[in-house]
Amino acid sequence: MKAFIFTITFLFLSVFAFSQSLEKSWEAEQNYRQTGMMVLGGWAVANIASGLVLRSNTSGVDSRFWEMNAIWNGVNLAIAGFGYFSAVKLGTDGTAFELYQEQIGMDKTLLFNAGLDLGYIAAGAWMMERSKNVSKNPDLWKGYGRSIMLQGAFLFAFDVAMVLIHKKVTIGDGMELSFNAVPGKVGAVLQF
């Protein structure tokens, strides 16, 4: 009988400890997402404010650069706002499997976005190159291209940093990102 009571007590305490740990994991996930969206929102506000002020105080390529920074970050601000309020509604009462699914989904989204970010950088570079061969609005092409490259580079760094930070927040903590470089080649490997 003592073994049975001990076993039941042990199981109860284990479930209680796991539920406390799980609640803390959900809270960490919620805080991680909110903090990330505040960083993105701060970047967006800074770019919108500087873009609006400096667009009117510059001309040519620089004016177009600041203009695109403001335009681009209007979208970033909307994403940050939506993401922040989605994180607030995330709650802390889901199961371990639901938390795992949320975390994997977030990592996949961030990695997909990092791929898009590289596309933005390439598109910006293409626009800058194109500016050399157009007769209509070359300043627009070059300024917008430069801005899109900057925004893509920031977003790439942001998304990769979020994935690496997320690794510290997740239950499994089983993801690794490594970079390799040899003359003329750079590579990245992400292992789950």
C-alpha atoms as a PDB file:
ATOM      1  CA  MET A   1       0.000   0.000   0.000  1.00  0.00           C
ATOM      2  CA  LYS A   2       2.888   2.384   0.824  1.00  0.00           C
ATOM      3  CA  ALA A   3       4.343   1.749  -2.654  1.00  0.00           C
ATOM      4  CA  PHE A   4       1.009   2.583  -4.260  1.00  0.00           C
ATOM      5  CA  ILE A   5       0.643   5.844  -2.273  1.00  0.00           C
ATOM      6  CA  PHE A   6       4.273   6.721  -3.070  1.00  0.00           C
ATOM      7  CA  THR A   7       3.692   6.034  -6.794  1.00  0.00           C
ATOM      8  CA  ILE A   8       0.496   8.117  -6.901  1.00  0.00           C
ATOM      9  CA  THR A   9       2.191  10.955  -4.999  1.00  0.00           C
ATOM     10  CA  PHE A  10       5.212  10.805  -7.295  1.00  0.00           C
ATOM     11  CA  LEU A  11       3.022  10.881 -10.409  1.00  0.00           C
ATOM     12  CA  PHE A  12       0.954  13.788  -9.044  1.00  0.00           C
ATOM     13  CA  LEU A  13       4.068  15.811  -8.212  1.00  0.00           C
ATOM     14  CA  SER A  14       5.609  14.987 -11.601  1.00  0.00           C
ATOM     15  CA  VAL A  15       2.491  16.119 -13.454  1.00  0.00           C
ATOM     16  CA  PHE A  16       2.331  19.267 -11.317  1.00  0.00           C
ATOM     17  CA  ALA A  17       6.027  20.064 -11.961  1.00  0.00           C
ATOM     18  CA  PHE A  18       5.614  19.398 -15.692  1.00  0.00           C
ATOM     19  CA  SER A  19       2.555  21.646 -15.868  1.00  0.00           C
ATOM     20  CA  GLN A  20       4.477  24.424 -14.088  1.00  0.00           C
ATOM     21  CA  SER A  21       7.393  23.966 -16.495  1.00  0.00           C
ATOM     22  CA  LEU A  22       5.032  23.905 -19.457  1.00  0.00           C
ATOM     23  CA  GLU A  23       3.344  27.127 -18.323  1.00  0.00           C
ATOM     24  CA  LYS A  24       6.763  28.801 -18.041  1.00  0.00           C
ATOM     25  CA  SER A  25       7.626  27.551 -21.544  1.00  0.00           C
ATOM     26  CA  TRP A  26       4.423  29.067 -22.934  1.00  0.00           C
ATOM     27  CA  GLU A  27       5.197  32.339 -21.138  1.00  0.00           C
ATOM     28  CA  ALA A  28       8.744  32.308 -22.556  1.00  0.00           C
ATOM     29  CA  GLU A  29       7.316  31.725 -26.060  1.00  0.00           C
ATOM     30  CA  GLN A  30       4.874  34.588 -25.593  1.00  0.00           C
ATOM     31  CA  ASN A  31       7.594  36.948 -24.280  1.00  0.00           C
ATOM     32  CA  TYR A  32       9.970  35.943 -27.084  1.00  0.00           C
ATOM     33  CA  ARG A  33       7.394  36.794 -29.743  1.00  0.00           C
ATOM     34  CA  GLN A  34       6.342  40.058 -28.115  1.00  0.00           C
ATOM     35  CA  THR A  35       9.958  41.192 -27.747  1.00  0.00           C
ATOM     36  CA  GLY A  36      10.721  40.308 -31.366  1.00  0.00           C
ATOM     37  CA  MET A  37       7.732  42.285 -32.586  1.00  0.00           C
ATOM     38  CA  MET A  38       8.747  45.269 -30.436  1.00  0.00           C
ATOM     39  CA  VAL A  39      12.210  45.202 -32.040  1.00  0.00           C
ATOM     40  CA  LEU A  40      10.674  45.037 -35.525  1.00  0.00           C
ATOM     41  CA  GLY A  41       8.198  47.784 -34.606  1.00  0.00           C
ATOM     42  CA  GLY A  42      10.993  49.988 -33.251  1.00  0.00           C
ATOM     43  CA  TRP A  43      12.973  49.542 -36.471  1.00  0.00           C
ATOM     44  CA  ALA A  44       9.860  50.397 -38.457  1.00  0.00           C
ATOM     45  CA  VAL A  45       9.055  53.553 -36.475  1.00  0.00           C
ATOM     46  CA  ALA A  46      12.664  54.770 -36.703  1.00  0.00           C
ATOM     47  CA  ASN A  47      12.692  54.198 -40.476  1.00  0.00           C
ATOM     48  CA  ILE A  48       9.314  55.830 -41.034  1.00  0.00           C
ATOM     49  CA  ALA A  49      10.252  58.909 -38.990  1.00  0.00           C
ATOM     50  CA  SER A  50      13.707  59.299 -40.536  1.00  0.00           C
ATOM     51  CA  GLY A  51      12.350  58.493 -43.984  1.00  0.00           C
ATOM     52  CA  LEU A  52       9.652  61.159 -43.838  1.00  0.00           C
ATOM     53  CA  VAL A  53      11.995  63.832 -42.477  1.00  0.00           C
ATOM     54  CA  LEU A  54      14.999  63.077 -44.668  1.00  0.00           C
ATOM     55  CA  ARG A  55      13.015  62.523 -47.863  1.00  0.00           C
ATOM     56  CA  SER A  56      11.973  66.156 -47.858  1.00  0.00           C
ATOM     57  CA  ASN A  57      15.469  67.375 -46.886  1.00  0.00           C
ATOM     58  CA  THR A  58      17.355  65.517 -49.635  1.00  0.00           C
ATOM     59  CA  SER A  59      17.057  65.107 -53.364  1.00  0.00           C
ATOM     60  CA  GLY A  60      17.730  62.579 -56.098  1.00  0.00           C
ATOM     61  CA  VAL A  61      18.824  59.100 -55.092  1.00  0.00           C
ATOM     62  CA  ASP A  62      18.945  59.974 -51.388  1.00  0.00           C
ATOM     63  CA  SER A  63      15.390  61.296 -51.417  1.00  0.00           C
ATOM     64  CA  ARG A  64      14.151  58.101 -53.071  1.00  0.00           C
ATOM     65  CA  PHE A  65      16.135  55.997 -50.580  1.00  0.00           C
ATOM     66  CA  TRP A  66      14.461  57.666 -47.597  1.00  0.00           C
ATOM     67  CA  GLU A  67      11.088  57.529 -49.301  1.00  0.00           C
ATOM     68  CA  MET A  68      11.284  53.758 -49.767  1.00  0.00           C
ATOM     69  CA  ASN A  69      12.478  53.284 -46.190  1.00  0.00           C
ATOM     70  CA  ALA A  70       9.291  54.979 -44.980  1.00  0.00           C
ATOM     71  CA  ILE A  71       7.062  53.019 -47.380  1.00  0.00           C
ATOM     72  CA  TRP A  72       8.671  49.641 -46.634  1.00  0.00           C
ATOM     73  CA  ASN A  73       8.454  50.132 -42.903  1.00  0.00           C
ATOM     74  CA  GLY A  74       4.780  51.006 -43.007  1.00  0.00           C
ATOM     75  CA  VAL A  75       4.344  47.324 -43.882  1.00  0.00           C
ATOM     76  CA  ASN A  76       6.860  46.267 -41.205  1.00  0.00           C
ATOM     77  CA  LEU A  77       4.932  48.277 -38.608  1.00  0.00           C
ATOM     78  CA  ALA A  78       1.669  46.570 -39.567  1.00  0.00           C
ATOM     79  CA  ILE A  79       3.358  43.147 -39.345  1.00  0.00           C
ATOM     80  CA  ALA A  80       4.892  44.021 -35.966  1.00  0.00           C
ATOM     81  CA  GLY A  81       1.531  45.207 -34.616  1.00  0.00           C
ATOM     82  CA  PHE A  82      -0.293  42.116 -35.824  1.00  0.00           C
ATOM     83  CA  GLY A  83       2.481  39.833 -34.546  1.00  0.00           C
ATOM     84  CA  TYR A  84       2.573  41.518 -31.140  1.00  0.00           C
ATOM     85  CA  PHE A  85      -1.164  41.225 -30.576  1.00  0.00           C
ATOM     86  CA  SER A  86      -1.129  37.640 -31.843  1.00  0.00           C
ATOM     87  CA  ALA A  87       1.550  36.885 -29.232  1.00  0.00           C
ATOM     88  CA  VAL A  88      -0.572  38.507 -26.521  1.00  0.00           C
ATOM     89  CA  LYS A  89      -3.435  36.186 -27.463  1.00  0.00           C
ATOM     90  CA  LEU A  90      -1.138  33.152 -27.593  1.00  0.00           C
ATOM     91  CA  GLY A  91      -1.977  32.288 -24.005  1.00  0.00           C
ATOM     92  CA  THR A  92      -0.116  29.986 -21.660  1.00  0.00           C
ATOM     93  CA  ASP A  93      -2.491  27.089 -21.215  1.00  0.00           C
ATOM     94  CA  GLY A  94      -1.802  24.801 -24.182  1.00  0.00           C
ATOM     95  CA  THR A  95      -0.452  21.290 -24.178  1.00  0.00           C
ATOM     96  CA  ALA A  96       3.192  20.374 -24.696  1.00  0.00           C
ATOM     97  CA  PHE A  97       2.382  19.167 -28.202  1.00  0.00           C
ATOM     98  CA  GLU A  98       0.617  22.455 -29.045  1.00  0.00           C
ATOM     99  CA  LEU A  99       3.618  24.406 -27.770  1.00  0.00           C
ATOM    100  CA  TYR A 100       5.947  22.260 -29.855  1.00  0.00           C
ATOM    101  CA  GLN A 101       3.776  22.833 -32.949  1.00  0.00           C
ATOM    102  CA  GLU A 102       3.751  26.601 -32.296  1.00  0.00           C
ATOM    103  CA  GLN A 103       7.514  26.676 -31.942  1.00  0.00           C
ATOM    104  CA  ILE A 104       8.170  24.595 -35.050  1.00  0.00           C
ATOM    105  CA  GLY A 105       5.697  26.751 -36.983  1.00  0.00           C
ATOM    106  CA  MET A 106       7.472  29.915 -35.824  1.00  0.00           C
ATOM    107  CA  ASP A 107      10.871  28.542 -36.835  1.00  0.00           C
ATOM    108  CA  LYS A 108       9.581  27.542 -40.265  1.00  0.00           C
ATOM    109  CA  THR A 109       8.037  30.982 -40.761  1.00  0.00           C
ATOM    110  CA  LEU A 110      11.261  32.733 -39.773  1.00  0.00           C
ATOM    111  CA  LEU A 111      13.381  30.531 -42.022  1.00  0.00           C
ATOM    112  CA  PHE A 112      11.007  31.060 -44.951  1.00  0.00           C
ATOM    113  CA  ASN A 113      11.171  34.806 -44.291  1.00  0.00           C
ATOM    114  CA  ALA A 114      14.980  34.662 -44.214  1.00  0.00           C
ATOM    115  CA  GLY A 115      14.849  33.175 -47.716  1.00  0.00           C
ATOM    116  CA  LEU A 116      12.546  35.989 -48.831  1.00  0.00           C
ATOM    117  CA  ASP A 117      14.940  38.490 -47.286  1.00  0.00           C
ATOM    118  CA  LEU A 118      17.752  37.205 -49.481  1.00  0.00           C
ATOM    119  CA  GLY A 119      15.388  37.700 -52.418  1.00  0.00           C
ATOM    120  CA  TYR A 120      14.820  41.318 -51.341  1.00  0.00           C
ATOM    121  CA  ILE A 121      18.567  41.912 -51.243  1.00  0.00           C
ATOM    122  CA  ALA A 122      18.943  40.433 -54.735  1.00  0.00           C
ATOM    123  CA  ALA A 123      15.994  42.483 -56.036  1.00  0.00           C
ATOM    124  CA  GLY A 124      17.511  45.650 -54.591  1.00  0.00           C
ATOM    125  CA  ALA A 125      20.852  44.881 -56.224  1.00  0.00           C
ATOM    126  CA  TRP A 126      19.081  44.257 -59.533  1.00  0.00           C
ATOM    127  CA  MET A 127      17.251  47.599 -59.218  1.00  0.00           C
ATOM    128  CA  MET A 128      20.521  49.420 -58.566  1.00  0.00           C
ATOM    129  CA  GLU A 129      22.091  47.775 -61.601  1.00  0.00           C
ATOM    130  CA  ARG A 130      19.018  48.563 -63.684  1.00  0.00           C
ATOM    131  CA  SER A 131      19.286  52.230 -62.707  1.00  0.00           C
ATOM    132  CA  LYS A 132      22.414  52.422 -64.875  1.00  0.00           C
ATOM    133  CA  ASN A 133      20.457  51.501 -68.012  1.00  0.00           C
ATOM    134  CA  VAL A 134      17.177  53.404 -67.704  1.00  0.00           C
ATOM    135  CA  SER A 135      16.550  56.895 -68.916  1.00  0.00           C
ATOM    136  CA  LYS A 136      13.324  57.413 -66.948  1.00  0.00           C
ATOM    137  CA  ASN A 137      13.682  57.811 -63.167  1.00  0.00           C
ATOM    138  CA  PRO A 138      17.184  56.345 -62.627  1.00  0.00           C
ATOM    139  CA  ASP A 139      17.265  57.991 -59.177  1.00  0.00           C
ATOM    140  CA  LEU A 140      14.105  56.119 -58.211  1.00  0.00           C
ATOM    141  CA  TRP A 141      15.547  52.780 -59.307  1.00  0.00           C
ATOM    142  CA  LYS A 142      18.841  53.342 -57.513  1.00  0.00           C
ATOM    143  CA  GLY A 143      17.387  54.862 -54.344  1.00  0.00           C
ATOM    144  CA  TYR A 144      14.647  52.260 -54.020  1.00  0.00           C
ATOM    145  CA  GLY A 145      17.139  49.493 -54.793  1.00  0.00           C
ATOM    146  CA  ARG A 146      19.534  50.689 -52.108  1.00  0.00           C
ATOM    147  CA  SER A 147      16.690  50.896 -49.594  1.00  0.00           C
ATOM    148  CA  ILE A 148      15.356  47.448 -50.424  1.00  0.00           C
ATOM    149  CA  MET A 149      18.848  45.999 -50.012  1.00  0.00           C
ATOM    150  CA  LEU A 150      19.157  47.648 -46.583  1.00  0.00           C
ATOM    151  CA  GLN A 151      15.711  46.504 -45.481  1.00  0.00           C
ATOM    152  CA  GLY A 152      16.347  42.975 -46.746  1.00  0.00           C
ATOM    153  CA  ALA A 153      19.682  42.832 -44.910  1.00  0.00           C
ATOM    154  CA  PHE A 154      18.076  44.008 -41.665  1.00  0.00           C
ATOM    155  CA  LEU A 155      15.211  41.554 -41.998  1.00  0.00           C
ATOM    156  CA  PHE A 156      17.607  38.696 -42.779  1.00  0.00           C
ATOM    157  CA  ALA A 157      19.681  39.480 -39.669  1.00  0.00           C
ATOM    158  CA  PHE A 158      16.469  39.868 -37.635  1.00  0.00           C
ATOM    159  CA  ASP A 159      14.964  36.568 -38.807  1.00  0.00           C
ATOM    160  CA  VAL A 160      18.193  34.598 -38.292  1.00  0.00           C
ATOM    161  CA  ALA A 161      18.667  36.157 -34.841  1.00  0.00           C
ATOM    162  CA  MET A 162      15.064  35.294 -33.953  1.00  0.00           C
ATOM    163  CA  VAL A 163      15.644  31.665 -34.968  1.00  0.00           C
ATOM    164  CA  LEU A 164      18.828  31.481 -32.886  1.00  0.00           C
ATOM    165  CA  ILE A 165      17.159  33.117 -29.881  1.00  0.00           C
ATOM    166  CA  HIS A 166      14.144  30.854 -30.320  1.00  0.00           C
ATOM    167  CA  LYS A 167      16.486  27.907 -29.944  1.00  0.00           C
ATOM    168  CA  LYS A 168      17.104  29.011 -26.363  1.00  0.00           C
ATOM    169  CA  VAL A 169      13.360  29.329 -25.692  1.00  0.00           C
ATOM    170  CA  THR A 170      12.183  26.008 -27.125  1.00  0.00           C
ATOM    171  CA  ILE A 171      11.640  22.848 -25.156  1.00  0.00           C
ATOM    172  CA  GLY A 172      13.852  20.622 -27.311  1.00  0.00           C
ATOM    173  CA  ASP A 173      16.714  23.083 -27.878  1.00  0.00           C
ATOM    174  CA  GLY A 174      17.826  20.790 -30.690  1.00  0.00           C
ATOM    175  CA  MET A 175      18.515  23.170 -33.559  1.00  0.00           C
ATOM    176  CA  GLU A 176      21.973  24.219 -34.710  1.00  0.00           C
ATOM    177  CA  LEU A 177      23.059  26.831 -37.238  1.00  0.00           C
ATOM    178  CA  SER A 178      26.613  26.773 -38.547  1.00  0.00           C
ATOM    179  CA  PHE A 179      28.409  28.890 -41.107  1.00  0.00           C
ATOM    180  CA  ASN A 180      31.312  27.795 -43.277  1.00  0.00           C
ATOM    181  CA  ALA A 181      33.527  29.967 -45.429  1.00  0.00           C
ATOM    182  CA  VAL A 182      36.283  29.143 -47.868  1.00  0.00           C
ATOM    183  CA  PRO A 183      37.745  31.440 -50.504  1.00  0.00           C
ATOM    184  CA  GLY A 184      34.980  32.268 -52.962  1.00  0.00           C
ATOM    185  CA  LYS A 185      32.237  30.354 -51.085  1.00  0.00           C
ATOM    186  CA  VAL A 186      30.075  30.916 -48.029  1.00  0.00           C
ATOM    187  CA  GLY A 187      27.591  28.373 -46.725  1.00  0.00           C
ATOM    188  CA  ALA A 188      25.119  27.961 -43.898  1.00  0.00           C
ATOM    189  CA  VAL A 189      23.696  24.731 -42.514  1.00  0.00           C
ATOM    190  CA  LEU A 190      20.661  24.590 -40.264  1.00  0.00           C
ATOM    191  CA  GLN A 191      20.092  21.257 -38.531  1.00  0.00           C
ATOM    192  CA  PHE A 192      16.966  20.305 -36.613  1.00  0.00           C
END
